[in-house]
Each structure stands twice: as structure tokens, then as C-alpha cells.
Amino acid sequence: MARDEQVARDWPARYRTLAEQALDPRLRAFYLAGVASPETPLAAVPLVAMDFETTGFDLQRSGIVSIGLVPLNLDRIRLADARHWIVRPRARLTPESVVVHGITHSEVAQAPDLTRVLGELLAAIQGKVVVVHHRGIERPFLDVALRRRIGEGIEFPVIDTMELEARLHRAKPLGFWRRLLGQRPASIRLADSRIRYHLPHYSLHHALTDALATAELLQAQVAHRFSPETPVAELWK
């Protein structure tokens, strides 16, 4: 069995191992807080939606610019406990990325390095399952950022709302005739996915707003396609 498949099945065991290996006290405390067991119903799982804005998409050349967190469960989104940080990346802020997320050079120059807010960030997500829209961003970017700063990476389970949409809309490729008629696969981007559930339009590329949008999308996905009793292991990776 591949290592990723083992981790997906038993994150609590993985956390215990990582807690023994962690050298940074903030990281050790994060793992010692544990996480829900694989068979826990979704309704009983503490969740937190996370979104990053970055300087680009290349893990080795790009960095995190802002972080948005929104705690939730299947019944409630806790906006009063939401968090948002602008952080100073070690990668160059490009004109193209400024156009996308709107965070300026002056804002970044005055922002703290990720190391300064790491304790708060880990405390805000510890014990929770992280919800993202496209797991190729938040988890790997945070892992690389920590390796560069404290010499240790990070692992945690995520529920990927994009992947949940892909399960439904990309399960079967379009047939020849449908492609010939110009039909395209359904978009699984965040905004397009929200439209299918009649969720309101939000402006994109603000970490806190996108985290909220992701939280609402997960609630809608579970309400329409899953059940509060669905074991979390059926959704997390």
C-alpha cells in the first residue's frame, strides 16, 4: 500500500508518530492535539476552511502572501472566530500576483514573516480537519514554507471540495459525440462549483473570502450528496 493511502486511512496514528519526531514545540503541540478518527461522522468533526494567496504556483519559487481561516461544522460557520493574516513571503512579489490578489508591496513590506504567526496558525487549526479547494496549494505550500523556516515540514488531513466535485463531474469522460457537439466537462473551479449549489457570488482571490466560500461549498456538498453520518475517512486525503 502506498504511504499516502496509509496516512489517509489513519491520520491519528500518523499524528502520534509525527509528535514523537517533531522538534519544534509548536509543531509538537499541533500533533499532540490529535485529530478525529477515520470512522468519526462528519457531523462530529471539527473543521476549518483554509485558503492561501501566493506569489505564484511554483512551490520552489513562490511563497505565501496571505492566509484565511474559517472554523465550521456542518451546521454552522463561525465567522466570529475567523482569522486572516498577510505575511511577508521570501519569494519576490510579482506584478502578476499583485493583480490577482491585490496585496501590494507596501503591505508585504510591513507584514510579519510566517514564523511570527506560526504559533497562532497552528493553534487555530490543531484538532481540526482542514477544508480546502484544491489540495495542491495549502498543504504543500505550508509544508515547504515550514521546511525553509524551522527545518521541519507539516502533514495534516484535508477535505478537498474540488476533489469532491471531480468525483461527481469528472467520473466519466465525455463521449465522442458530446465532445463533437462542443460540450466540455463541468468546471470544478470554486466559483463555478458554488453556482451549481445556488450559493451567492463572492469576489475571488481574498484568502478569507475564499475560505468562507469553501466552507459554504462543503456544507452544500454534504447536504446534497453525502450525509452527516458519512465517516470522515470517505472525504479526507
C-alpha atoms as a PDB file:
ATOM      1  CA  MET A   1       0.000   0.000   0.000  1.00  0.00           C
ATOM      2  CA  ALA A   2       1.267   3.484  -0.856  1.00  0.00           C
ATOM      3  CA  ARG A   3       2.239   5.714   2.061  1.00  0.00           C
ATOM      4  CA  ASP A   4      -0.415   8.320   1.131  1.00  0.00           C
ATOM      5  CA  GLU A   5      -3.130   5.658   1.277  1.00  0.00           C
ATOM      6  CA  GLN A   6      -1.960   4.544   4.720  1.00  0.00           C
ATOM      7  CA  VAL A   7      -1.999   8.112   6.013  1.00  0.00           C
ATOM      8  CA  ALA A   8      -5.456   8.734   4.603  1.00  0.00           C
ATOM      9  CA  ARG A   9      -6.838   5.760   6.493  1.00  0.00           C
ATOM     10  CA  ASP A  10      -5.345   6.511   9.907  1.00  0.00           C
ATOM     11  CA  TRP A  11      -4.342  10.124  10.467  1.00  0.00           C
ATOM     12  CA  PRO A  12      -4.500   9.802  14.296  1.00  0.00           C
ATOM     13  CA  ALA A  13      -1.750   7.168  14.168  1.00  0.00           C
ATOM     14  CA  ARG A  14       0.274   9.345  11.823  1.00  0.00           C
ATOM     15  CA  TYR A  15      -0.067  12.283  14.224  1.00  0.00           C
ATOM     16  CA  ARG A  16       1.250  10.177  17.096  1.00  0.00           C
ATOM     17  CA  THR A  17       4.304   9.277  15.067  1.00  0.00           C
ATOM     18  CA  LEU A  18       4.870  12.860  13.965  1.00  0.00           C
ATOM     19  CA  ALA A  19       4.503  14.141  17.542  1.00  0.00           C
ATOM     20  CA  GLU A  20       7.375  11.877  18.590  1.00  0.00           C
ATOM     21  CA  GLN A  21       9.529  13.142  15.722  1.00  0.00           C
ATOM     22  CA  ALA A  22       8.738  16.873  15.893  1.00  0.00           C
ATOM     23  CA  LEU A  23      11.455  19.135  17.280  1.00  0.00           C
ATOM     24  CA  ASP A  24       9.677  22.490  17.135  1.00  0.00           C
ATOM     25  CA  PRO A  25       7.428  22.815  20.223  1.00  0.00           C
ATOM     26  CA  ARG A  26       4.652  24.498  18.189  1.00  0.00           C
ATOM     27  CA  LEU A  27       4.611  21.635  15.737  1.00  0.00           C
ATOM     28  CA  ARG A  28       4.724  19.034  18.506  1.00  0.00           C
ATOM     29  CA  ALA A  29       1.746  20.669  20.245  1.00  0.00           C
ATOM     30  CA  PHE A  30      -0.142  20.640  16.951  1.00  0.00           C
ATOM     31  CA  TYR A  31       0.308  16.887  16.532  1.00  0.00           C
ATOM     32  CA  LEU A  32      -0.313  16.100  20.217  1.00  0.00           C
ATOM     33  CA  ALA A  33      -3.753  17.733  19.914  1.00  0.00           C
ATOM     34  CA  GLY A  34      -4.683  14.820  17.650  1.00  0.00           C
ATOM     35  CA  VAL A  35      -7.370  14.607  15.017  1.00  0.00           C
ATOM     36  CA  ALA A  36     -10.674  12.784  14.500  1.00  0.00           C
ATOM     37  CA  SER A  37     -10.563   9.036  13.950  1.00  0.00           C
ATOM     38  CA  PRO A  38     -11.372   7.836  10.411  1.00  0.00           C
ATOM     39  CA  GLU A  39     -14.792   6.460  11.377  1.00  0.00           C
ATOM     40  CA  THR A  40     -15.983   9.708  13.005  1.00  0.00           C
ATOM     41  CA  PRO A  41     -19.212  11.004  11.380  1.00  0.00           C
ATOM     42  CA  LEU A  42     -18.788  14.295   9.556  1.00  0.00           C
ATOM     43  CA  ALA A  43     -21.314  15.907  11.898  1.00  0.00           C
ATOM     44  CA  ALA A  44     -18.945  15.326  14.817  1.00  0.00           C
ATOM     45  CA  VAL A  45     -15.736  16.503  13.121  1.00  0.00           C
ATOM     46  CA  PRO A  46     -14.329  19.973  13.923  1.00  0.00           C
ATOM     47  CA  LEU A  47     -13.427  21.599  10.598  1.00  0.00           C
ATOM     48  CA  VAL A  48     -11.572  24.698   9.463  1.00  0.00           C
ATOM     49  CA  ALA A  49     -11.592  26.055   5.929  1.00  0.00           C
ATOM     50  CA  MET A  50      -8.212  27.355   4.818  1.00  0.00           C
ATOM     51  CA  ASP A  51      -7.136  29.425   1.829  1.00  0.00           C
ATOM     52  CA  PHE A  52      -3.774  30.896   0.816  1.00  0.00           C
ATOM     53  CA  GLU A  53      -2.891  33.624  -1.623  1.00  0.00           C
ATOM     54  CA  THR A  54       0.619  33.120  -3.010  1.00  0.00           C
ATOM     55  CA  THR A  55       3.152  34.841  -5.235  1.00  0.00           C
ATOM     56  CA  GLY A  56       2.716  32.071  -7.824  1.00  0.00           C
ATOM     57  CA  PHE A  57       2.088  28.351  -8.195  1.00  0.00           C
ATOM     58  CA  ASP A  58       5.653  27.023  -8.268  1.00  0.00           C
ATOM     59  CA  LEU A  59       6.310  25.518  -4.839  1.00  0.00           C
ATOM     60  CA  GLN A  60      10.034  26.087  -5.039  1.00  0.00           C
ATOM     61  CA  ARG A  61       9.918  29.667  -6.328  1.00  0.00           C
ATOM     62  CA  SER A  62       6.715  31.042  -4.804  1.00  0.00           C
ATOM     63  CA  GLY A  63       5.634  31.935  -1.288  1.00  0.00           C
ATOM     64  CA  ILE A  64       2.570  32.516   0.862  1.00  0.00           C
ATOM     65  CA  VAL A  65       1.256  36.094   0.923  1.00  0.00           C
ATOM     66  CA  SER A  66      -1.950  35.739   2.941  1.00  0.00           C
ATOM     67  CA  ILE A  67      -3.827  33.124   4.969  1.00  0.00           C
ATOM     68  CA  GLY A  68      -7.544  32.890   5.653  1.00  0.00           C
ATOM     69  CA  LEU A  69      -9.123  30.531   8.184  1.00  0.00           C
ATOM     70  CA  VAL A  70     -12.827  29.966   8.868  1.00  0.00           C
ATOM     71  CA  PRO A  71     -13.850  27.380  11.523  1.00  0.00           C
ATOM     72  CA  LEU A  72     -17.038  25.439  10.862  1.00  0.00           C
ATOM     73  CA  ASN A  73     -19.084  22.311  11.315  1.00  0.00           C
ATOM     74  CA  LEU A  74     -21.897  21.025   9.139  1.00  0.00           C
ATOM     75  CA  ASP A  75     -24.451  23.302  10.833  1.00  0.00           C
ATOM     76  CA  ARG A  76     -22.564  26.494  11.495  1.00  0.00           C
ATOM     77  CA  ILE A  77     -19.813  28.713  10.131  1.00  0.00           C
ATOM     78  CA  ARG A  78     -18.074  30.559  12.970  1.00  0.00           C
ATOM     79  CA  LEU A  79     -17.191  33.874  11.367  1.00  0.00           C
ATOM     80  CA  ALA A  80     -16.510  35.435  14.767  1.00  0.00           C
ATOM     81  CA  ASP A  81     -13.518  33.093  15.072  1.00  0.00           C
ATOM     82  CA  ALA A  82     -12.233  33.571  11.515  1.00  0.00           C
ATOM     83  CA  ARG A  83      -8.606  34.650  11.097  1.00  0.00           C
ATOM     84  CA  HIS A  84      -6.718  36.458   8.355  1.00  0.00           C
ATOM     85  CA  TRP A  85      -3.019  37.221   8.090  1.00  0.00           C
ATOM     86  CA  ILE A  86      -0.922  38.983   5.488  1.00  0.00           C
ATOM     87  CA  VAL A  87       2.621  37.614   5.693  1.00  0.00           C
ATOM     88  CA  ARG A  88       5.893  38.590   4.051  1.00  0.00           C
ATOM     89  CA  PRO A  89       6.970  35.933   1.537  1.00  0.00           C
ATOM     90  CA  ARG A  90      10.598  35.128   0.917  1.00  0.00           C
ATOM     91  CA  ALA A  91       9.793  34.965  -2.793  1.00  0.00           C
ATOM     92  CA  ARG A  92       9.500  38.081  -4.927  1.00  0.00           C
ATOM     93  CA  LEU A  93       6.034  39.623  -5.207  1.00  0.00           C
ATOM     94  CA  THR A  94       5.383  39.729  -8.951  1.00  0.00           C
ATOM     95  CA  PRO A  95       3.188  42.280 -10.744  1.00  0.00           C
ATOM     96  CA  GLU A  96       1.030  39.410 -11.990  1.00  0.00           C
ATOM     97  CA  SER A  97       0.326  38.127  -8.487  1.00  0.00           C
ATOM     98  CA  VAL A  98      -0.476  41.646  -7.235  1.00  0.00           C
ATOM     99  CA  VAL A  99      -3.126  41.924  -9.944  1.00  0.00           C
ATOM    100  CA  VAL A 100      -4.663  38.626  -8.794  1.00  0.00           C
ATOM    101  CA  HIS A 101      -4.793  39.070  -5.012  1.00  0.00           C
ATOM    102  CA  GLY A 102      -4.456  42.837  -4.681  1.00  0.00           C
ATOM    103  CA  ILE A 103      -1.860  42.704  -1.893  1.00  0.00           C
ATOM    104  CA  THR A 104       0.695  45.420  -2.515  1.00  0.00           C
ATOM    105  CA  HIS A 105       4.455  45.626  -1.994  1.00  0.00           C
ATOM    106  CA  SER A 106       3.971  48.127   0.837  1.00  0.00           C
ATOM    107  CA  GLU A 107       1.561  45.799   2.657  1.00  0.00           C
ATOM    108  CA  VAL A 108       4.002  42.920   2.324  1.00  0.00           C
ATOM    109  CA  ALA A 109       6.933  45.060   3.478  1.00  0.00           C
ATOM    110  CA  GLN A 110       5.119  45.810   6.744  1.00  0.00           C
ATOM    111  CA  ALA A 111       3.865  42.244   7.256  1.00  0.00           C
ATOM    112  CA  PRO A 112       5.489  39.692   9.580  1.00  0.00           C
ATOM    113  CA  ASP A 113       7.278  36.603   8.349  1.00  0.00           C
ATOM    114  CA  LEU A 114       5.231  33.420   8.598  1.00  0.00           C
ATOM    115  CA  THR A 115       7.401  32.337  11.522  1.00  0.00           C
ATOM    116  CA  ARG A 116       5.939  35.163  13.625  1.00  0.00           C
ATOM    117  CA  VAL A 117       2.360  33.917  13.246  1.00  0.00           C
ATOM    118  CA  LEU A 118       3.117  30.193  13.108  1.00  0.00           C
ATOM    119  CA  GLY A 119       2.086  29.525  16.695  1.00  0.00           C
ATOM    120  CA  GLU A 120      -1.276  31.242  16.184  1.00  0.00           C
ATOM    121  CA  LEU A 121      -1.829  29.489  12.865  1.00  0.00           C
ATOM    122  CA  LEU A 122      -1.119  26.016  14.215  1.00  0.00           C
ATOM    123  CA  ALA A 123      -3.233  26.642  17.321  1.00  0.00           C
ATOM    124  CA  ALA A 124      -6.143  27.717  15.083  1.00  0.00           C
ATOM    125  CA  ILE A 125      -6.075  24.520  13.003  1.00  0.00           C
ATOM    126  CA  GLN A 126      -4.992  21.953  15.588  1.00  0.00           C
ATOM    127  CA  GLY A 127      -7.501  19.231  16.345  1.00  0.00           C
ATOM    128  CA  LYS A 128      -9.447  20.089  13.193  1.00  0.00           C
ATOM    129  CA  VAL A 129      -9.711  18.659   9.698  1.00  0.00           C
ATOM    130  CA  VAL A 130      -8.721  21.299   7.156  1.00  0.00           C
ATOM    131  CA  VAL A 131     -11.064  22.058   4.236  1.00  0.00           C
ATOM    132  CA  VAL A 132      -9.562  23.435   1.013  1.00  0.00           C
ATOM    133  CA  HIS A 133     -10.494  23.872  -2.615  1.00  0.00           C
ATOM    134  CA  HIS A 134      -7.591  22.145  -4.407  1.00  0.00           C
ATOM    135  CA  ARG A 135      -5.254  20.400  -2.015  1.00  0.00           C
ATOM    136  CA  GLY A 136      -2.270  21.111  -4.277  1.00  0.00           C
ATOM    137  CA  ILE A 137      -1.925  24.574  -2.732  1.00  0.00           C
ATOM    138  CA  GLU A 138      -2.387  24.957   1.022  1.00  0.00           C
ATOM    139  CA  ARG A 139      -0.864  21.759   2.366  1.00  0.00           C
ATOM    140  CA  PRO A 140       2.233  21.628   0.127  1.00  0.00           C
ATOM    141  CA  PHE A 141       2.878  25.384   0.345  1.00  0.00           C
ATOM    142  CA  LEU A 142       2.743  25.308   4.142  1.00  0.00           C
ATOM    143  CA  ASP A 143       4.961  22.221   4.223  1.00  0.00           C
ATOM    144  CA  VAL A 144       7.634  23.882   2.073  1.00  0.00           C
ATOM    145  CA  ALA A 145       7.379  27.167   3.991  1.00  0.00           C
ATOM    146  CA  LEU A 146       7.979  25.414   7.324  1.00  0.00           C
ATOM    147  CA  ARG A 147      10.861  23.343   5.990  1.00  0.00           C
ATOM    148  CA  ARG A 148      12.606  26.542   4.955  1.00  0.00           C
ATOM    149  CA  ARG A 149      11.960  28.277   8.269  1.00  0.00           C
ATOM    150  CA  ILE A 150      12.143  25.661  11.012  1.00  0.00           C
ATOM    151  CA  GLY A 151      13.680  22.700   9.204  1.00  0.00           C
ATOM    152  CA  GLU A 152      10.548  20.558   9.567  1.00  0.00           C
ATOM    153  CA  GLY A 153       7.545  20.127   7.307  1.00  0.00           C
ATOM    154  CA  ILE A 154       3.925  19.525   8.240  1.00  0.00           C
ATOM    155  CA  GLU A 155       1.289  16.921   7.468  1.00  0.00           C
ATOM    156  CA  PHE A 156      -2.453  17.061   8.113  1.00  0.00           C
ATOM    157  CA  PRO A 157      -5.633  15.630   6.569  1.00  0.00           C
ATOM    158  CA  VAL A 158      -7.633  17.755   4.158  1.00  0.00           C
ATOM    159  CA  ILE A 159     -11.097  17.572   2.674  1.00  0.00           C
ATOM    160  CA  ASP A 160     -10.796  18.932  -0.850  1.00  0.00           C
ATOM    161  CA  THR A 161     -14.053  20.420  -2.126  1.00  0.00           C
ATOM    162  CA  MET A 162     -12.625  20.497  -5.659  1.00  0.00           C
ATOM    163  CA  GLU A 163     -11.921  16.782  -5.499  1.00  0.00           C
ATOM    164  CA  LEU A 164     -15.449  16.131  -4.227  1.00  0.00           C
ATOM    165  CA  GLU A 165     -16.797  17.954  -7.293  1.00  0.00           C
ATOM    166  CA  ALA A 166     -14.445  15.989  -9.535  1.00  0.00           C
ATOM    167  CA  ARG A 167     -15.813  12.715  -8.146  1.00  0.00           C
ATOM    168  CA  LEU A 168     -19.227  13.662  -9.493  1.00  0.00           C
ATOM    169  CA  HIS A 169     -18.482  15.655 -12.637  1.00  0.00           C
ATOM    170  CA  ARG A 170     -15.262  14.058 -13.856  1.00  0.00           C
ATOM    171  CA  ALA A 171     -16.053  10.433 -13.025  1.00  0.00           C
ATOM    172  CA  LYS A 172     -16.903   9.631 -16.645  1.00  0.00           C
ATOM    173  CA  PRO A 173     -15.208  11.365 -19.565  1.00  0.00           C
ATOM    174  CA  LEU A 174     -17.397  12.968 -22.213  1.00  0.00           C
ATOM    175  CA  GLY A 175     -18.283  10.623 -25.052  1.00  0.00           C
ATOM    176  CA  PHE A 176     -17.158  11.233 -28.622  1.00  0.00           C
ATOM    177  CA  TRP A 177     -20.458  12.732 -29.811  1.00  0.00           C
ATOM    178  CA  ARG A 178     -20.781  15.087 -26.851  1.00  0.00           C
ATOM    179  CA  ARG A 179     -17.248  16.331 -27.490  1.00  0.00           C
ATOM    180  CA  LEU A 180     -18.021  16.648 -31.180  1.00  0.00           C
ATOM    181  CA  LEU A 181     -21.001  18.834 -30.280  1.00  0.00           C
ATOM    182  CA  GLY A 182     -18.690  21.119 -28.357  1.00  0.00           C
ATOM    183  CA  GLN A 183     -19.640  20.085 -24.846  1.00  0.00           C
ATOM    184  CA  ARG A 184     -16.970  20.478 -22.205  1.00  0.00           C
ATOM    185  CA  PRO A 185     -16.504  18.861 -18.792  1.00  0.00           C
ATOM    186  CA  ALA A 186     -18.178  20.736 -15.962  1.00  0.00           C
ATOM    187  CA  SER A 187     -15.886  23.286 -14.349  1.00  0.00           C
ATOM    188  CA  ILE A 188     -14.854  22.385 -10.810  1.00  0.00           C
ATOM    189  CA  ARG A 189     -13.378  25.790 -10.012  1.00  0.00           C
ATOM    190  CA  LEU A 190     -14.597  27.299  -6.749  1.00  0.00           C
ATOM    191  CA  ALA A 191     -16.931  29.925  -8.216  1.00  0.00           C
ATOM    192  CA  ASP A 192     -18.432  27.545 -10.795  1.00  0.00           C
ATOM    193  CA  SER A 193     -18.919  24.811  -8.208  1.00  0.00           C
ATOM    194  CA  ARG A 194     -20.777  27.236  -5.936  1.00  0.00           C
ATOM    195  CA  ILE A 195     -23.159  28.173  -8.755  1.00  0.00           C
ATOM    196  CA  ARG A 196     -24.339  24.562  -9.011  1.00  0.00           C
ATOM    197  CA  TYR A 197     -25.464  24.732  -5.364  1.00  0.00           C
ATOM    198  CA  HIS A 198     -27.081  28.184  -5.769  1.00  0.00           C
ATOM    199  CA  LEU A 199     -24.580  29.776  -3.404  1.00  0.00           C
ATOM    200  CA  PRO A 200     -24.039  33.545  -3.642  1.00  0.00           C
ATOM    201  CA  HIS A 201     -21.276  35.108  -5.714  1.00  0.00           C
ATOM    202  CA  TYR A 202     -18.190  36.341  -3.873  1.00  0.00           C
ATOM    203  CA  SER A 203     -15.217  38.210  -5.268  1.00  0.00           C
ATOM    204  CA  LEU A 204     -12.300  35.810  -5.614  1.00  0.00           C
ATOM    205  CA  HIS A 205      -8.668  35.865  -4.514  1.00  0.00           C
ATOM    206  CA  HIS A 206      -9.015  37.158  -0.985  1.00  0.00           C
ATOM    207  CA  ALA A 207      -7.865  34.424   1.384  1.00  0.00           C
ATOM    208  CA  LEU A 208     -10.557  34.999   3.999  1.00  0.00           C
ATOM    209  CA  THR A 209     -13.394  35.301   1.479  1.00  0.00           C
ATOM    210  CA  ASP A 210     -12.223  32.199  -0.389  1.00  0.00           C
ATOM    211  CA  ALA A 211     -12.013  30.260   2.875  1.00  0.00           C
ATOM    212  CA  LEU A 212     -15.605  31.270   3.641  1.00  0.00           C
ATOM    213  CA  ALA A 213     -16.658  30.294   0.114  1.00  0.00           C
ATOM    214  CA  THR A 214     -15.002  26.902   0.559  1.00  0.00           C
ATOM    215  CA  ALA A 215     -16.691  26.355   3.934  1.00  0.00           C
ATOM    216  CA  GLU A 216     -20.125  27.090   2.449  1.00  0.00           C
ATOM    217  CA  LEU A 217     -19.417  24.828  -0.523  1.00  0.00           C
ATOM    218  CA  LEU A 218     -18.556  21.878   1.719  1.00  0.00           C
ATOM    219  CA  GLN A 219     -21.759  22.329   3.711  1.00  0.00           C
ATOM    220  CA  ALA A 220     -23.741  22.337   0.454  1.00  0.00           C
ATOM    221  CA  GLN A 221     -21.916  19.290  -0.902  1.00  0.00           C
ATOM    222  CA  VAL A 222     -22.603  17.272   2.233  1.00  0.00           C
ATOM    223  CA  ALA A 223     -26.249  18.367   2.321  1.00  0.00           C
ATOM    224  CA  HIS A 224     -26.834  17.368  -1.311  1.00  0.00           C
ATOM    225  CA  ARG A 225     -24.585  14.378  -1.849  1.00  0.00           C
ATOM    226  CA  PHE A 226     -23.424  12.895   1.412  1.00  0.00           C
ATOM    227  CA  SER A 227     -24.799  12.570   4.938  1.00  0.00           C
ATOM    228  CA  PRO A 228     -23.878  13.954   8.351  1.00  0.00           C
ATOM    229  CA  GLU A 229     -23.209  10.329   9.271  1.00  0.00           C
ATOM    230  CA  THR A 230     -20.673   9.827   6.469  1.00  0.00           C
ATOM    231  CA  PRO A 231     -17.337   8.757   8.017  1.00  0.00           C
ATOM    232  CA  VAL A 232     -14.736  11.476   7.590  1.00  0.00           C
ATOM    233  CA  ALA A 233     -12.335   8.975   6.033  1.00  0.00           C
ATOM    234  CA  GLU A 234     -14.583   8.873   2.950  1.00  0.00           C
ATOM    235  CA  LEU A 235     -13.772  12.522   2.273  1.00  0.00           C
ATOM    236  CA  TRP A 236     -10.337  13.309   3.632  1.00  0.00           C
ATOM    237  CA  LYS A 237      -6.990  12.750   1.974  1.00  0.00           C
END
